[in-house]
C-alpha atoms as a PDB file:
ATOM      1  CA  MET A   1      83.476 -19.513  75.532  1.00  0.00           C
ATOM      2  CA  ASP A   2      83.735 -21.928  78.442  1.00  0.00           C
ATOM      3  CA  ASP A   3      86.719 -24.321  78.181  1.00  0.00           C
ATOM      4  CA  ASN A   4      84.450 -27.283  78.979  1.00  0.00           C
ATOM      5  CA  LYS A   5      82.229 -26.644  75.991  1.00  0.00           C
ATOM      6  CA  ILE A   6      83.172 -28.241  72.706  1.00  0.00           C
ATOM      7  CA  SER A   7      83.181 -25.892  69.724  1.00  0.00           C
ATOM      8  CA  LYS A   8      80.716 -26.410  66.904  1.00  0.00           C
ATOM      9  CA  THR A   9      83.597 -27.122  64.515  1.00  0.00           C
ATOM     10  CA  ASP A  10      85.056 -29.752  66.843  1.00  0.00           C
ATOM     11  CA  LEU A  11      81.633 -31.333  67.288  1.00  0.00           C
ATOM     12  CA  TRP A  12      81.145 -31.543  63.527  1.00  0.00           C
ATOM     13  CA  ALA A  13      84.696 -32.782  62.964  1.00  0.00           C
ATOM     14  CA  ASP A  14      83.832 -35.690  65.281  1.00  0.00           C
ATOM     15  CA  ARG A  15      80.558 -36.289  63.437  1.00  0.00           C
ATOM     16  CA  VAL A  16      82.232 -36.211  60.020  1.00  0.00           C
ATOM     17  CA  HIS A  17      84.879 -38.638  61.272  1.00  0.00           C
ATOM     18  CA  SER A  18      82.125 -40.910  62.631  1.00  0.00           C
ATOM     19  CA  PHE A  19      80.365 -40.830  59.250  1.00  0.00           C
ATOM     20  CA  GLN A  20      83.567 -41.604  57.344  1.00  0.00           C
ATOM     21  CA  GLU A  21      84.428 -44.505  59.648  1.00  0.00           C
ATOM     22  CA  SER A  22      80.895 -45.934  59.614  1.00  0.00           C
ATOM     23  CA  GLY A  23      81.053 -47.364  56.110  1.00  0.00           C
ATOM     24  CA  LEU A  24      77.453 -46.225  55.611  1.00  0.00           C
ATOM     25  CA  SER A  25      76.192 -44.183  52.705  1.00  0.00           C
ATOM     26  CA  ARG A  26      75.638 -40.502  53.411  1.00  0.00           C
ATOM     27  CA  LYS A  27      71.879 -41.045  53.214  1.00  0.00           C
ATOM     28  CA  ASP A  28      71.850 -43.975  55.656  1.00  0.00           C
ATOM     29  CA  TRP A  29      74.178 -42.304  58.170  1.00  0.00           C
ATOM     30  CA  CYS A  30      72.115 -39.109  58.125  1.00  0.00           C
ATOM     31  CA  GLN A  31      68.876 -41.028  58.626  1.00  0.00           C
ATOM     32  CA  GLN A  32      70.329 -42.946  61.579  1.00  0.00           C
ATOM     33  CA  ASN A  33      71.637 -39.743  63.177  1.00  0.00           C
ATOM     34  CA  GLU A  34      68.634 -37.584  62.241  1.00  0.00           C
ATOM     35  CA  ILE A  35      70.818 -35.045  60.453  1.00  0.00           C
ATOM     36  CA  PRO A  36      69.953 -33.535  57.037  1.00  0.00           C
ATOM     37  CA  GLN A  37      72.292 -34.679  54.259  1.00  0.00           C
ATOM     38  CA  SER A  38      72.788 -31.062  53.239  1.00  0.00           C
ATOM     39  CA  THR A  39      74.068 -30.192  56.722  1.00  0.00           C
ATOM     40  CA  LEU A  40      76.539 -33.071  56.703  1.00  0.00           C
ATOM     41  CA  GLY A  41      77.699 -32.061  53.221  1.00  0.00           C
ATOM     42  CA  TYR A  42      78.194 -28.462  54.360  1.00  0.00           C
ATOM     43  CA  TRP A  43      80.359 -29.510  57.294  1.00  0.00           C
ATOM     44  CA  ILE A  44      82.400 -31.971  55.215  1.00  0.00           C
ATOM     45  CA  ARG A  45      83.226 -29.155  52.768  1.00  0.00           C
ATOM     46  CA  LYS A  46      83.877 -26.669  55.571  1.00  0.00           C
ATOM     47  CA  ILE A  47      86.206 -29.012  57.472  1.00  0.00           C
ATOM     48  CA  GLN A  48      88.046 -30.061  54.284  1.00  0.00           C
ATOM     49  CA  SER A  49      88.590 -26.443  53.268  1.00  0.00           C
ATOM     50  CA  GLY A  50      89.783 -25.565  56.779  1.00  0.00           C
ATOM     51  CA  ALA A  51      92.208 -28.491  56.868  1.00  0.00           C
ATOM     52  CA  THR A  52      93.863 -27.540  53.603  1.00  0.00           C
ATOM     53  CA  GLY A  53      93.553 -23.784  53.993  1.00  0.00           C
ATOM     54  CA  THR A  54      91.983 -23.654  50.534  1.00  0.00           C
ATOM     55  CA  GLU A  55      88.819 -24.722  48.850  1.00  0.00           C
ATOM     56  CA  PRO A  56      88.289 -28.503  48.982  1.00  0.00           C
ATOM     57  CA  PHE A  57      88.288 -28.797  45.199  1.00  0.00           C
ATOM     58  CA  SER A  58      90.969 -27.458  42.919  1.00  0.00           C
ATOM     59  CA  ASP A  59      90.349 -25.662  39.653  1.00  0.00           C
ATOM     60  CA  PRO A  60      88.876 -27.916  36.987  1.00  0.00           C
ATOM     61  CA  VAL A  61      91.220 -29.700  34.650  1.00  0.00           C
ATOM     62  CA  PHE A  62      90.102 -30.064  31.075  1.00  0.00           C
ATOM     63  CA  ALA A  63      91.191 -32.902  28.824  1.00  0.00           C
ATOM     64  CA  LYS A  64      90.379 -33.526  25.188  1.00  0.00           C
ATOM     65  CA  LEU A  65      88.757 -36.900  24.771  1.00  0.00           C
ATOM     66  CA  PRO A  66      88.981 -38.597  21.404  1.00  0.00           C
ATOM     67  CA  SER A  67      85.877 -38.794  19.227  1.00  0.00           C
ATOM     68  CA  GLU A  68      84.351 -42.167  18.398  1.00  0.00           C
ATOM     69  CA  GLN A  69      85.952 -42.007  14.954  1.00  0.00           C
ATOM     70  CA  GLU A  70      89.391 -41.297  16.475  1.00  0.00           C
ATOM     71  CA  GLN A  71      88.942 -44.155  18.905  1.00  0.00           C
ATOM     72  CA  GLN A  72      87.991 -46.604  16.180  1.00  0.00           C
ATOM     73  CA  PHE A  73      90.829 -45.468  13.906  1.00  0.00           C
ATOM     74  CA  ASN A  74      93.573 -45.347  16.543  1.00  0.00           C
ATOM     75  CA  ALA A  75      92.427 -48.060  18.948  1.00  0.00           C
ATOM     76  CA  PRO A  76      94.691 -51.076  19.121  1.00  0.00           C
ATOM     77  CA  ALA A  77      93.199 -54.325  20.299  1.00  0.00           C
ATOM     78  CA  GLY A  78      92.397 -54.304  23.999  1.00  0.00           C
ATOM     79  CA  ASN A  79      90.052 -52.666  26.445  1.00  0.00           C
ATOM     80  CA  HIS A  80      90.752 -49.051  27.417  1.00  0.00           C
ATOM     81  CA  SER A  81      89.124 -47.284  30.305  1.00  0.00           C
ATOM     82  CA  VAL A  82      89.120 -43.979  32.150  1.00  0.00           C
ATOM     83  CA  THR A  83      89.201 -43.933  35.951  1.00  0.00           C
ATOM     84  CA  ILE A  84      87.667 -41.054  37.927  1.00  0.00           C
ATOM     85  CA  PHE A  85      88.674 -40.684  41.575  1.00  0.00           C
ATOM     86  CA  LEU A  86      86.359 -38.791  43.962  1.00  0.00           C
ATOM     87  CA  PRO A  87      86.565 -37.969  47.663  1.00  0.00           C
ATOM     88  CA  GLU A  88      85.491 -40.581  50.221  1.00  0.00           C
ATOM     89  CA  ASN A  89      87.338 -43.358  48.335  1.00  0.00           C
ATOM     90  CA  ILE A  90      84.938 -43.373  45.404  1.00  0.00           C
ATOM     91  CA  ARG A  91      86.384 -44.671  42.137  1.00  0.00           C
ATOM     92  CA  ILE A  92      84.489 -44.783  38.845  1.00  0.00           C
ATOM     93  CA  GLU A  93      85.887 -46.716  35.912  1.00  0.00           C
ATOM     94  CA  VAL A  94      84.419 -46.024  32.476  1.00  0.00           C
ATOM     95  CA  GLY A  95      85.199 -48.476  29.689  1.00  0.00           C
ATOM     96  CA  ALA A  96      85.659 -47.581  26.043  1.00  0.00           C
ATOM     97  CA  ASP A  97      82.416 -49.397  25.237  1.00  0.00           C
ATOM     98  CA  CYS A  98      80.345 -47.215  27.612  1.00  0.00           C
ATOM     99  CA  PRO A  99      77.136 -46.155  25.826  1.00  0.00           C
ATOM    100  CA  SER A 100      76.877 -42.398  25.264  1.00  0.00           C
ATOM    101  CA  ARG A 101      73.557 -42.246  27.185  1.00  0.00           C
ATOM    102  CA  LEU A 102      75.193 -43.796  30.246  1.00  0.00           C
ATOM    103  CA  MET A 103      78.150 -41.410  29.944  1.00  0.00           C
ATOM    104  CA  THR A 104      75.737 -38.451  29.768  1.00  0.00           C
ATOM    105  CA  ALA A 105      73.915 -39.676  32.887  1.00  0.00           C
ATOM    106  CA  LEU A 106      77.241 -40.234  34.685  1.00  0.00           C
ATOM    107  CA  LEU A 107      78.466 -36.733  33.857  1.00  0.00           C
ATOM    108  CA  GLN A 108      75.183 -35.230  35.067  1.00  0.00           C
ATOM    109  CA  ALA A 109      75.409 -37.177  38.322  1.00  0.00           C
ATOM    110  CA  LEU A 110      79.015 -36.038  38.814  1.00  0.00           C
ATOM    111  CA  LYS A 111      77.952 -32.453  38.163  1.00  0.00           C
ATOM    112  CA  ASN A 112      75.361 -32.733  40.948  1.00  0.00           C
ATOM    113  CA  TYR A 113      77.707 -34.598  43.330  1.00  0.00           C
ATOM    114  CA  ALA A 114      78.577 -32.553  46.361  1.00  0.00           C
END
């Protein structure tokens, strides 16, 4: 390859950096740059896995969450919450009073998050 030509990986590394610095949502940035969201997602995963030398996500970690009965029996006064940290500085805080329907929808959305 010619030394003056930028590699595809370098080009996409610059694009991913531009997206991350833009402060825009993935959808908005892709619309402005006429790039499919799936393509941006592919290159984010590819660059992250190349930077770490491993897959971008580690093996899942399982934790036993208390049942509603356990929470009511063992819960001292106060508000308890669970915080979920995702890439791209996304933080989700779920309070103890989160309705089960909302929790189900949240878990489904996280499952589909890429």
